Amino acid sequence: MRITVSHTKSKQEVTRAVDRSFDDLFRNIGIIPIQFVEERRTWQGSTLTFSLSAKMGFVSTPIKGTIEVTDRDLTIDADLGLFERLIPATKAREAITNRVRGLLT
């Protein structure tokens, strides 16, 4: 899944907002209660590489990807694992896009 959202803030402001609110980006994107564990994230310049495991009862699926911050855009490239089969892509994309926009206001 790829999501790009334009912004008017400085690259540093957007980077700090993403770092501060990363945990909220994928939370509650569906109706299934999900717990995130084994989170790993590293910044290399203005690109955040992340991985985590999403647990739904006895089922666990990895989520991994990158978030790139440029002077004008924030782009999320994410592999949502099993989520892509359980949650409609349009619903997941809409929920994540709304959260990103909330970060940038």
N, C-alpha and C. Protein backbone atom coordinates (compact mmCIF):
# COMPACT_ATOMS: atom_id res chain seq x y z
N MET A 1 0.85 -1.15 0.00
CA MET A 1 0.00 0.00 0.00
C MET A 1 0.90 1.22 0.00
N ARG A 2 0.58 2.18 -0.87
CA ARG A 2 1.35 3.42 -0.94
C ARG A 2 0.38 4.58 -0.73
N ILE A 3 0.77 5.48 0.20
CA ILE A 3 -0.03 6.65 0.50
C ILE A 3 0.90 7.86 0.47
N THR A 4 0.51 8.90 -0.27
CA THR A 4 1.28 10.14 -0.30
C THR A 4 0.37 11.28 0.11
N VAL A 5 0.85 12.08 1.06
CA VAL A 5 0.09 13.22 1.56
C VAL A 5 0.98 14.46 1.47
N SER A 6 0.46 15.51 0.86
CA SER A 6 1.21 16.77 0.76
C SER A 6 1.20 17.50 2.09
N HIS A 7 2.21 18.34 2.32
CA HIS A 7 2.26 19.14 3.54
C HIS A 7 2.90 20.49 3.25
N THR A 8 2.72 21.41 4.18
CA THR A 8 3.29 22.76 4.03
C THR A 8 4.24 23.08 5.18
N LYS A 9 4.56 22.10 6.00
CA LYS A 9 5.45 22.30 7.14
C LYS A 9 6.89 22.02 6.73
N SER A 10 7.82 22.35 7.62
CA SER A 10 9.21 22.03 7.33
C SER A 10 9.42 20.53 7.45
N LYS A 11 10.43 20.06 6.76
CA LYS A 11 10.75 18.63 6.80
C LYS A 11 11.01 18.16 8.23
N GLN A 12 11.70 18.99 9.02
CA GLN A 12 12.01 18.64 10.40
C GLN A 12 10.74 18.54 11.24
N GLU A 13 9.79 19.45 11.05
CA GLU A 13 8.52 19.40 11.80
C GLU A 13 7.76 18.11 11.49
N VAL A 14 7.70 17.76 10.21
CA VAL A 14 6.98 16.55 9.80
C VAL A 14 7.68 15.31 10.33
N THR A 15 9.01 15.30 10.27
CA THR A 15 9.77 14.16 10.79
C THR A 15 9.51 13.97 12.28
N ARG A 16 9.52 15.05 13.04
CA ARG A 16 9.25 14.96 14.49
C ARG A 16 7.83 14.47 14.75
N ALA A 17 6.86 14.98 13.96
CA ALA A 17 5.46 14.57 14.15
C ALA A 17 5.29 13.07 13.86
N VAL A 18 5.93 12.58 12.82
CA VAL A 18 5.84 11.16 12.49
C VAL A 18 6.48 10.33 13.60
N ASP A 19 7.64 10.74 14.05
CA ASP A 19 8.33 9.99 15.09
C ASP A 19 7.52 9.95 16.39
N ARG A 20 6.92 11.08 16.74
CA ARG A 20 6.14 11.20 17.97
C ARG A 20 4.84 10.39 17.91
N SER A 21 4.22 10.34 16.74
CA SER A 21 2.89 9.74 16.62
C SER A 21 2.85 8.45 15.81
N PHE A 22 4.00 7.85 15.58
CA PHE A 22 4.06 6.65 14.75
C PHE A 22 3.10 5.56 15.22
N ASP A 23 3.06 5.34 16.53
CA ASP A 23 2.23 4.26 17.08
C ASP A 23 0.76 4.40 16.73
N ASP A 24 0.29 5.61 16.48
CA ASP A 24 -1.12 5.84 16.20
C ASP A 24 -1.48 5.66 14.72
N LEU A 25 -0.50 5.60 13.83
CA LEU A 25 -0.80 5.55 12.40
C LEU A 25 -1.60 4.32 11.99
N PHE A 26 -1.27 3.16 12.53
CA PHE A 26 -1.92 1.92 12.10
C PHE A 26 -2.98 1.43 13.07
N ARG A 27 -3.11 2.09 14.20
CA ARG A 27 -4.06 1.67 15.22
C ARG A 27 -5.51 1.88 14.77
N ASN A 28 -6.37 0.91 15.07
CA ASN A 28 -7.81 0.99 14.80
C ASN A 28 -8.16 1.26 13.34
N ILE A 29 -7.47 0.60 12.42
CA ILE A 29 -7.83 0.79 11.01
C ILE A 29 -8.91 -0.18 10.57
N GLY A 30 -9.29 -1.06 11.44
CA GLY A 30 -10.37 -1.99 11.13
C GLY A 30 -11.23 -2.19 12.35
N ILE A 31 -12.15 -3.13 12.27
CA ILE A 31 -13.03 -3.39 13.40
C ILE A 31 -12.46 -4.43 14.35
N ILE A 32 -11.33 -5.02 13.96
CA ILE A 32 -10.72 -6.08 14.75
C ILE A 32 -9.77 -5.46 15.78
N PRO A 33 -9.87 -5.86 17.07
CA PRO A 33 -8.92 -5.34 18.05
C PRO A 33 -7.52 -5.89 17.78
N ILE A 34 -6.55 -4.99 17.68
CA ILE A 34 -5.20 -5.37 17.30
C ILE A 34 -4.22 -4.87 18.34
N GLN A 35 -3.23 -5.71 18.64
CA GLN A 35 -2.16 -5.33 19.54
C GLN A 35 -0.86 -5.33 18.74
N PHE A 36 -0.07 -4.26 18.87
CA PHE A 36 1.20 -4.17 18.16
C PHE A 36 2.33 -4.53 19.10
N VAL A 37 3.22 -5.43 18.64
CA VAL A 37 4.37 -5.87 19.44
C VAL A 37 5.61 -5.88 18.55
N GLU A 38 6.75 -6.02 19.18
CA GLU A 38 8.03 -6.14 18.47
C GLU A 38 8.25 -5.01 17.48
N GLU A 39 8.00 -3.79 17.92
CA GLU A 39 8.18 -2.63 17.03
C GLU A 39 9.65 -2.29 16.89
N ARG A 40 10.05 -2.06 15.65
CA ARG A 40 11.40 -1.60 15.34
C ARG A 40 11.28 -0.46 14.34
N ARG A 41 12.03 0.60 14.60
CA ARG A 41 12.04 1.71 13.64
C ARG A 41 13.37 2.42 13.70
N THR A 42 13.86 2.80 12.54
CA THR A 42 15.12 3.52 12.44
C THR A 42 15.01 4.60 11.37
N TRP A 43 15.56 5.75 11.68
CA TRP A 43 15.62 6.85 10.72
C TRP A 43 16.97 6.81 10.02
N GLN A 44 16.93 6.97 8.73
CA GLN A 44 18.15 7.16 7.95
C GLN A 44 17.89 8.39 7.09
N GLY A 45 18.42 9.52 7.54
CA GLY A 45 18.10 10.79 6.89
C GLY A 45 16.64 11.10 7.16
N SER A 46 15.88 11.31 6.11
CA SER A 46 14.46 11.64 6.27
C SER A 46 13.55 10.47 5.93
N THR A 47 14.10 9.25 5.99
CA THR A 47 13.31 8.05 5.72
C THR A 47 13.29 7.16 6.97
N LEU A 48 12.08 6.84 7.41
CA LEU A 48 11.88 5.95 8.55
C LEU A 48 11.60 4.55 8.00
N THR A 49 12.39 3.58 8.43
CA THR A 49 12.14 2.18 8.09
C THR A 49 11.56 1.54 9.35
N PHE A 50 10.45 0.82 9.19
CA PHE A 50 9.78 0.27 10.36
C PHE A 50 9.34 -1.17 10.13
N SER A 51 9.18 -1.88 11.24
CA SER A 51 8.58 -3.21 11.22
C SER A 51 7.94 -3.43 12.58
N LEU A 52 6.85 -4.15 12.58
CA LEU A 52 6.17 -4.51 13.81
C LEU A 52 5.31 -5.72 13.54
N SER A 53 4.85 -6.34 14.60
CA SER A 53 3.93 -7.47 14.46
C SER A 53 2.58 -7.05 15.00
N ALA A 54 1.55 -7.36 14.25
CA ALA A 54 0.18 -7.08 14.68
C ALA A 54 -0.44 -8.39 15.11
N LYS A 55 -0.92 -8.41 16.36
CA LYS A 55 -1.53 -9.63 16.90
C LYS A 55 -3.04 -9.43 17.00
N MET A 56 -3.77 -10.41 16.48
CA MET A 56 -5.22 -10.44 16.56
C MET A 56 -5.60 -11.80 17.13
N GLY A 57 -5.77 -11.86 18.44
CA GLY A 57 -6.01 -13.15 19.07
C GLY A 57 -4.80 -14.04 18.93
N PHE A 58 -4.98 -15.21 18.28
CA PHE A 58 -3.87 -16.14 18.09
C PHE A 58 -3.10 -15.88 16.80
N VAL A 59 -3.60 -14.99 15.98
CA VAL A 59 -2.98 -14.71 14.68
C VAL A 59 -2.04 -13.52 14.80
N SER A 60 -0.88 -13.66 14.18
CA SER A 60 0.10 -12.56 14.17
C SER A 60 0.55 -12.34 12.74
N THR A 61 0.70 -11.08 12.34
CA THR A 61 1.16 -10.77 10.99
C THR A 61 2.16 -9.62 11.06
N PRO A 62 3.23 -9.72 10.26
CA PRO A 62 4.19 -8.62 10.24
C PRO A 62 3.67 -7.45 9.40
N ILE A 63 4.01 -6.25 9.83
CA ILE A 63 3.76 -5.04 9.06
C ILE A 63 5.12 -4.37 8.92
N LYS A 64 5.47 -4.00 7.71
CA LYS A 64 6.77 -3.37 7.51
C LYS A 64 6.69 -2.37 6.37
N GLY A 65 7.64 -1.44 6.37
CA GLY A 65 7.66 -0.47 5.30
C GLY A 65 8.54 0.72 5.60
N THR A 66 8.27 1.79 4.87
CA THR A 66 9.04 3.03 5.03
C THR A 66 8.09 4.22 5.02
N ILE A 67 8.56 5.29 5.65
CA ILE A 67 7.88 6.58 5.57
C ILE A 67 8.95 7.58 5.16
N GLU A 68 8.76 8.18 4.01
CA GLU A 68 9.73 9.15 3.50
C GLU A 68 9.15 10.56 3.59
N VAL A 69 9.92 11.46 4.17
CA VAL A 69 9.50 12.85 4.31
C VAL A 69 10.34 13.70 3.35
N THR A 70 9.66 14.43 2.46
CA THR A 70 10.34 15.38 1.58
C THR A 70 9.88 16.78 1.95
N ASP A 71 10.37 17.75 1.23
CA ASP A 71 9.98 19.14 1.51
C ASP A 71 8.50 19.39 1.28
N ARG A 72 7.85 18.56 0.47
CA ARG A 72 6.44 18.79 0.11
C ARG A 72 5.49 17.66 0.45
N ASP A 73 6.03 16.43 0.58
CA ASP A 73 5.18 15.25 0.75
C ASP A 73 5.68 14.34 1.85
N LEU A 74 4.77 13.50 2.31
CA LEU A 74 5.08 12.40 3.19
C LEU A 74 4.54 11.16 2.48
N THR A 75 5.40 10.17 2.23
CA THR A 75 4.98 8.97 1.52
C THR A 75 5.18 7.74 2.39
N ILE A 76 4.11 7.00 2.56
CA ILE A 76 4.15 5.75 3.32
C ILE A 76 4.07 4.59 2.32
N ASP A 77 5.05 3.71 2.37
CA ASP A 77 5.01 2.45 1.63
C ASP A 77 4.95 1.36 2.69
N ALA A 78 3.83 0.66 2.75
CA ALA A 78 3.67 -0.33 3.81
C ALA A 78 3.11 -1.64 3.26
N ASP A 79 3.66 -2.72 3.77
CA ASP A 79 3.12 -4.06 3.53
C ASP A 79 2.36 -4.41 4.79
N LEU A 80 1.03 -4.47 4.70
CA LEU A 80 0.19 -4.70 5.87
C LEU A 80 -0.03 -6.18 6.18
N GLY A 81 0.67 -7.05 5.49
CA GLY A 81 0.53 -8.48 5.77
C GLY A 81 -0.90 -8.96 5.61
N LEU A 82 -1.39 -9.75 6.56
CA LEU A 82 -2.76 -10.29 6.51
C LEU A 82 -3.83 -9.20 6.53
N PHE A 83 -3.49 -8.02 7.06
CA PHE A 83 -4.47 -6.93 7.08
C PHE A 83 -5.02 -6.65 5.70
N GLU A 84 -4.17 -6.82 4.70
CA GLU A 84 -4.60 -6.53 3.33
C GLU A 84 -5.72 -7.47 2.87
N ARG A 85 -5.83 -8.62 3.52
CA ARG A 85 -6.92 -9.55 3.20
C ARG A 85 -8.13 -9.36 4.11
N LEU A 86 -7.90 -8.86 5.33
CA LEU A 86 -8.98 -8.74 6.31
C LEU A 86 -9.69 -7.40 6.27
N ILE A 87 -9.00 -6.36 5.85
CA ILE A 87 -9.56 -5.01 5.86
C ILE A 87 -9.54 -4.49 4.43
N PRO A 88 -10.66 -3.96 3.94
CA PRO A 88 -10.65 -3.41 2.58
C PRO A 88 -9.56 -2.35 2.43
N ALA A 89 -8.82 -2.42 1.32
CA ALA A 89 -7.70 -1.49 1.10
C ALA A 89 -8.16 -0.04 1.15
N THR A 90 -9.36 0.25 0.63
CA THR A 90 -9.83 1.64 0.64
C THR A 90 -10.05 2.13 2.07
N LYS A 91 -10.55 1.25 2.93
CA LYS A 91 -10.78 1.63 4.33
C LYS A 91 -9.45 1.86 5.06
N ALA A 92 -8.49 0.97 4.86
CA ALA A 92 -7.17 1.12 5.49
C ALA A 92 -6.49 2.38 4.98
N ARG A 93 -6.52 2.61 3.68
CA ARG A 93 -5.88 3.79 3.08
C ARG A 93 -6.53 5.07 3.62
N GLU A 94 -7.85 5.08 3.71
CA GLU A 94 -8.56 6.26 4.21
C GLU A 94 -8.22 6.54 5.67
N ALA A 95 -8.20 5.49 6.51
CA ALA A 95 -7.90 5.66 7.93
C ALA A 95 -6.48 6.19 8.13
N ILE A 96 -5.52 5.61 7.43
CA ILE A 96 -4.13 6.04 7.58
C ILE A 96 -3.93 7.44 7.03
N THR A 97 -4.54 7.74 5.88
CA THR A 97 -4.43 9.09 5.30
C THR A 97 -4.99 10.13 6.25
N ASN A 98 -6.14 9.86 6.85
CA ASN A 98 -6.74 10.80 7.81
C ASN A 98 -5.84 11.01 9.01
N ARG A 99 -5.19 9.96 9.50
CA ARG A 99 -4.28 10.10 10.64
C ARG A 99 -3.08 10.94 10.27
N VAL A 100 -2.54 10.73 9.08
CA VAL A 100 -1.39 11.52 8.63
C VAL A 100 -1.78 12.99 8.50
N ARG A 101 -2.92 13.24 7.91
CA ARG A 101 -3.38 14.63 7.79
C ARG A 101 -3.55 15.27 9.16
N GLY A 102 -4.04 14.50 10.12
CA GLY A 102 -4.17 15.00 11.49
C GLY A 102 -2.83 15.36 12.10
N LEU A 103 -1.79 14.60 11.77
CA LEU A 103 -0.45 14.90 12.24
C LEU A 103 0.08 16.22 11.68
N LEU A 104 -0.34 16.50 10.46
CA LEU A 104 0.24 17.63 9.73
C LEU A 104 -0.51 18.93 9.93
N THR A 105 -1.62 18.91 10.70
CA THR A 105 -2.37 20.16 10.91
C THR A 105 -1.91 20.86 12.17
